[in-house]
Amino acid sequence: MHTAQSLGHDVWSYIKGQFSNVQADGSVTPSERAIGYLRTYLTGSNPVVSGQWPAIGRRFEHLGTPDDSPNVITATDLVAVSFLSVNVPPRPAWTILTKRASALTEVLERIPSQLAIEDLGCTAEMYQSESALQELWNLLRRDEEGNLWKMGATTVSKLMARKRPALVPIQDSVVMRELGSADSTYWVQWWQAMHLQIEGLIVVTEFARQLRSSVPEARHLSLLRTLDIAIWMHGKKRIDSV
């Protein structure tokens, strides 16, 4: 567990370097690049990245919402994950919906459904190895014998994010490459970033709020998802240009 805020500073340095305008008074606001990425992904208007837009991934949050069963992983959740270009394999899918359903619900009941990673009530301990979030991760990642069962980190994190969208960072390889992240500290990195305070301002959280408010279609997104989209789009543009 990192006690310093170095990982959070890395996220802020990336955001400032890639997505921000620095005003005369020193304040940081989202650049047109960042706003353009978010707008392209969600609306398809004035696309700034090659491809088919808007992205089907914009429906990840829409399908089956509002969620009437925040503590139950449903077939709708499994379908929604496919909108982000991953699929839950048949055996894990059936087990999640049947034999493991009660255990998953018991763990989800211990993870507040309305809590966001940027909230003061969200502590670093929620992302540590003995946390309910880690228990949920383990239940999704491995089968009854404790063996990995083709539920990779990306798929697991996307399924967790369906149930706790404001709390669980999506562990996507493109975003991780952009941030220089490691699997073992990814949750900590985002918790530090969303709580990073510089000169009295919680900088990453405030930037995310400004970015989200710049695109009306983003109003339903969590702050985590808002930043995830912008970073993923920038990473995709880099990949496409190679």
Protein backbone atom coordinates (compact mmCIF):
# COMPACT_ATOMS: atom_id res chain seq x y z
CA MET A 1 0.00 0.00 0.00
CA HIS A 2 1.47 3.35 -1.03
CA THR A 3 1.21 5.95 1.72
CA ALA A 4 2.51 8.87 -0.33
CA GLN A 5 0.42 10.52 -3.03
CA SER A 6 2.94 9.81 -5.81
CA LEU A 7 0.57 7.67 -7.86
CA GLY A 8 -2.16 10.28 -7.67
CA HIS A 9 0.29 12.96 -8.76
CA ASP A 10 1.12 10.83 -11.81
CA VAL A 11 -2.53 10.95 -12.88
CA TRP A 12 -2.67 14.70 -12.33
CA SER A 13 0.55 15.25 -14.29
CA TYR A 14 -0.91 13.28 -17.19
CA ILE A 15 -4.18 15.23 -17.13
CA LYS A 16 -2.39 18.58 -17.01
CA GLY A 17 -0.02 17.59 -19.78
CA GLN A 18 -2.59 16.10 -22.16
CA PHE A 19 -5.98 17.60 -21.39
CA SER A 20 -5.77 21.00 -19.76
CA ASN A 21 -5.59 24.73 -20.32
CA VAL A 22 -3.77 26.70 -17.65
CA GLN A 23 -5.42 30.06 -17.07
CA ALA A 24 -3.67 33.32 -16.17
CA ASP A 25 -4.62 32.88 -12.53
CA GLY A 26 -3.05 29.41 -12.50
CA SER A 27 -6.34 27.50 -12.57
CA VAL A 28 -6.63 24.45 -14.81
CA THR A 29 -9.59 23.86 -17.12
CA PRO A 30 -10.37 21.10 -19.64
CA SER A 31 -8.94 21.67 -23.10
CA GLU A 32 -10.94 21.37 -26.30
CA ARG A 33 -9.05 18.14 -26.93
CA ALA A 34 -10.44 16.55 -23.75
CA ILE A 35 -13.93 17.88 -24.41
CA GLY A 36 -13.73 16.69 -28.02
CA TYR A 37 -12.83 13.16 -26.96
CA LEU A 38 -15.77 12.97 -24.59
CA ARG A 39 -18.17 14.50 -27.11
CA THR A 40 -17.02 12.18 -29.89
CA TYR A 41 -17.42 9.06 -27.75
CA LEU A 42 -20.90 9.99 -26.54
CA THR A 43 -22.44 11.82 -29.50
CA GLY A 44 -20.32 11.21 -32.60
CA SER A 45 -20.49 14.88 -33.52
CA ASN A 46 -17.35 16.54 -34.88
CA PRO A 47 -15.27 13.36 -34.39
CA VAL A 48 -11.67 13.92 -33.34
CA VAL A 49 -10.65 10.25 -33.63
CA SER A 50 -11.06 7.96 -36.64
CA GLY A 51 -13.63 5.18 -36.28
CA GLN A 52 -17.36 4.66 -35.86
CA TRP A 53 -18.86 7.12 -33.41
CA PRO A 54 -20.67 7.48 -31.14
CA ALA A 55 -19.27 4.42 -29.37
CA ILE A 56 -21.58 1.56 -28.41
CA GLY A 57 -19.77 1.78 -25.07
CA ARG A 58 -21.90 4.83 -24.28
CA ARG A 59 -24.73 2.35 -23.65
CA PHE A 60 -22.77 0.57 -20.91
CA GLU A 61 -24.43 2.74 -18.27
CA HIS A 62 -27.80 2.93 -20.04
CA LEU A 63 -28.83 -0.71 -20.44
CA GLY A 64 -31.24 -1.77 -17.73
CA THR A 65 -31.01 1.46 -15.77
CA PRO A 66 -31.98 2.62 -13.29
CA ASP A 67 -30.59 -0.47 -11.59
CA ASP A 68 -33.33 -1.89 -9.38
CA SER A 69 -31.00 -4.62 -8.09
CA PRO A 70 -27.69 -2.94 -7.18
CA ASN A 71 -26.63 -5.94 -5.10
CA VAL A 72 -27.41 -8.59 -7.72
CA ILE A 73 -25.34 -9.31 -10.82
CA THR A 74 -27.89 -9.93 -13.55
CA ALA A 75 -27.88 -11.17 -17.13
CA THR A 76 -28.37 -7.53 -18.15
CA ASP A 77 -25.09 -6.65 -16.45
CA LEU A 78 -23.30 -9.38 -18.40
CA VAL A 79 -24.70 -8.05 -21.67
CA ALA A 80 -23.79 -4.46 -20.78
CA VAL A 81 -20.16 -5.49 -20.27
CA SER A 82 -20.05 -6.67 -23.88
CA PHE A 83 -20.65 -3.07 -24.97
CA LEU A 84 -17.11 -2.38 -23.74
CA SER A 85 -15.61 -5.02 -26.05
CA VAL A 86 -15.24 -7.88 -23.56
CA ASN A 87 -17.39 -10.92 -22.93
CA VAL A 88 -17.99 -13.01 -19.84
CA PRO A 89 -17.32 -16.63 -20.89
CA PRO A 90 -20.23 -19.11 -20.66
CA ARG A 91 -19.11 -21.07 -17.60
CA PRO A 92 -18.34 -18.04 -15.42
CA ALA A 93 -21.53 -16.35 -16.64
CA TRP A 94 -23.73 -19.28 -15.61
CA THR A 95 -21.96 -19.67 -12.27
CA ILE A 96 -22.26 -15.96 -11.50
CA LEU A 97 -25.99 -16.05 -12.22
CA THR A 98 -26.67 -19.26 -10.29
CA LYS A 99 -24.38 -21.03 -7.81
CA ARG A 100 -22.36 -17.95 -6.90
CA ALA A 101 -25.21 -15.44 -6.95
CA SER A 102 -25.86 -15.48 -3.18
CA ALA A 103 -22.19 -15.05 -2.29
CA LEU A 104 -21.83 -12.16 -4.73
CA THR A 105 -24.92 -10.46 -3.35
CA GLU A 106 -23.65 -10.84 0.22
CA VAL A 107 -20.44 -9.05 -0.71
CA LEU A 108 -22.18 -6.35 -2.75
CA GLU A 109 -24.40 -5.58 0.24
CA ARG A 110 -21.23 -4.56 2.10
CA ILE A 111 -20.20 -2.11 -0.63
CA PRO A 112 -22.28 1.10 -0.54
CA SER A 113 -24.10 1.48 -3.85
CA GLN A 114 -24.21 5.29 -3.77
CA LEU A 115 -20.63 5.89 -2.68
CA ALA A 116 -18.19 7.49 -5.13
CA ILE A 117 -14.41 7.17 -5.04
CA GLU A 118 -14.08 10.96 -4.65
CA ASP A 119 -16.38 11.14 -1.61
CA LEU A 120 -14.85 11.95 1.77
CA GLY A 121 -16.46 8.79 3.11
CA CYS A 122 -14.52 6.65 0.65
CA THR A 123 -11.28 5.69 2.38
CA ALA A 124 -8.12 4.06 1.07
CA GLU A 125 -8.94 1.01 3.19
CA MET A 126 -11.84 0.22 0.84
CA TYR A 127 -9.28 -0.74 -1.82
CA GLN A 128 -6.95 -2.82 0.32
CA SER A 129 -6.50 -6.59 0.25
CA GLU A 130 -8.98 -7.31 3.06
CA SER A 131 -11.76 -5.13 1.66
CA ALA A 132 -15.16 -6.14 0.33
CA LEU A 133 -14.13 -4.83 -3.09
CA GLN A 134 -11.17 -7.20 -3.12
CA GLU A 135 -13.43 -10.05 -2.02
CA LEU A 136 -15.79 -9.27 -4.89
CA TRP A 137 -12.83 -9.21 -7.28
CA ASN A 138 -11.67 -12.64 -6.07
CA LEU A 139 -15.15 -14.16 -6.44
CA LEU A 140 -15.35 -12.98 -10.04
CA ARG A 141 -11.75 -13.74 -10.96
CA ARG A 142 -11.57 -17.42 -9.93
CA ASP A 143 -13.67 -20.58 -10.00
CA GLU A 144 -14.81 -22.75 -7.07
CA GLU A 145 -11.38 -24.39 -6.83
CA GLY A 146 -9.60 -21.04 -6.79
CA ASN A 147 -8.32 -21.33 -10.34
CA LEU A 148 -8.39 -18.51 -12.87
CA TRP A 149 -11.26 -19.08 -15.30
CA LYS A 150 -10.84 -16.69 -18.23
CA MET A 151 -12.18 -13.72 -16.30
CA GLY A 152 -9.30 -11.30 -16.83
CA ALA A 153 -8.70 -8.07 -14.93
CA THR A 154 -10.36 -5.97 -17.61
CA THR A 155 -13.52 -8.07 -17.71
CA VAL A 156 -13.77 -8.30 -13.93
CA SER A 157 -13.27 -4.57 -13.44
CA LYS A 158 -15.90 -3.74 -16.07
CA LEU A 159 -18.42 -6.04 -14.41
CA MET A 160 -17.65 -4.52 -11.01
CA ALA A 161 -18.00 -1.05 -12.51
CA ARG A 162 -21.48 -1.95 -13.75
CA LYS A 163 -22.57 -2.46 -10.14
CA ARG A 164 -20.47 0.32 -8.56
CA PRO A 165 -19.75 2.75 -11.41
CA ALA A 166 -18.57 5.61 -9.23
CA LEU A 167 -16.37 3.43 -7.06
CA VAL A 168 -14.50 0.93 -9.27
CA PRO A 169 -11.95 2.09 -11.88
CA ILE A 170 -12.08 0.14 -15.14
CA GLN A 171 -8.76 -1.62 -15.58
CA ASP A 172 -8.34 -1.17 -19.33
CA SER A 173 -4.97 -1.83 -20.95
CA VAL A 174 -5.09 1.34 -23.07
CA VAL A 175 -5.76 3.57 -20.05
CA MET A 176 -3.16 1.77 -17.95
CA ARG A 177 -0.56 2.22 -20.65
CA GLU A 178 -1.34 5.93 -20.90
CA LEU A 179 -0.95 6.39 -17.14
CA GLY A 180 1.98 4.01 -16.74
CA SER A 181 -0.10 2.04 -14.23
CA ALA A 182 0.54 -1.33 -12.60
CA ASP A 183 -2.14 -3.93 -11.86
CA SER A 184 -1.21 -4.16 -8.19
CA THR A 185 -1.60 -0.44 -7.47
CA TYR A 186 -4.30 0.59 -9.97
CA TRP A 187 -7.09 1.06 -7.43
CA VAL A 188 -4.74 2.93 -5.09
CA GLN A 189 -3.60 5.15 -7.95
CA TRP A 190 -7.14 6.25 -8.70
CA TRP A 191 -8.09 6.69 -5.06
CA GLN A 192 -5.04 8.90 -4.52
CA ALA A 193 -5.80 10.86 -7.70
CA MET A 194 -9.43 11.54 -6.80
CA HIS A 195 -8.43 12.73 -3.32
CA LEU A 196 -5.31 14.65 -4.38
CA GLN A 197 -5.39 18.14 -2.90
CA ILE A 198 -3.14 20.94 -4.10
CA GLU A 199 -3.40 24.40 -2.57
CA GLY A 200 -6.78 23.56 -1.10
CA LEU A 201 -8.30 22.26 -4.35
CA ILE A 202 -9.06 18.59 -4.98
CA VAL A 203 -7.60 18.94 -8.44
CA VAL A 204 -8.43 15.74 -10.36
CA THR A 205 -11.97 15.58 -9.03
CA GLU A 206 -12.61 19.22 -9.87
CA PHE A 207 -11.15 18.77 -13.36
CA ALA A 208 -13.40 15.75 -13.94
CA ARG A 209 -16.46 17.72 -12.83
CA GLN A 210 -15.64 20.52 -15.25
CA LEU A 211 -15.03 18.08 -18.08
CA ARG A 212 -18.31 16.27 -17.44
CA SER A 213 -20.28 19.51 -17.34
CA SER A 214 -18.79 20.53 -20.71
CA VAL A 215 -20.69 17.76 -22.55
CA PRO A 216 -24.42 17.57 -21.66
CA GLU A 217 -24.61 13.91 -22.71
CA ALA A 218 -22.05 13.07 -20.00
CA ARG A 219 -24.22 14.23 -17.10
CA HIS A 220 -25.14 10.64 -16.14
CA LEU A 221 -21.52 9.46 -15.99
CA SER A 222 -19.46 9.00 -12.88
CA LEU A 223 -16.33 11.14 -12.61
CA LEU A 224 -14.24 7.97 -12.97
CA ARG A 225 -15.96 7.05 -16.22
CA THR A 226 -15.66 10.60 -17.57
CA LEU A 227 -11.88 10.51 -17.17
CA ASP A 228 -11.67 6.90 -18.34
CA ILE A 229 -13.31 7.81 -21.66
CA ALA A 230 -11.05 10.80 -22.30
CA ILE A 231 -7.87 8.87 -21.48
CA TRP A 232 -8.97 5.82 -23.51
CA MET A 233 -9.78 7.99 -26.51
CA HIS A 234 -6.38 9.67 -26.35
CA GLY A 235 -4.68 6.29 -26.10
CA LYS A 236 -6.70 4.96 -29.04
CA LYS A 237 -5.70 7.96 -31.14
CA ARG A 238 -2.05 7.24 -30.36
CA ILE A 239 -2.47 3.59 -31.36
CA ASP A 240 -4.27 4.47 -34.58
CA SER A 241 -1.51 6.90 -35.56
CA VAL A 242 1.26 4.28 -35.30
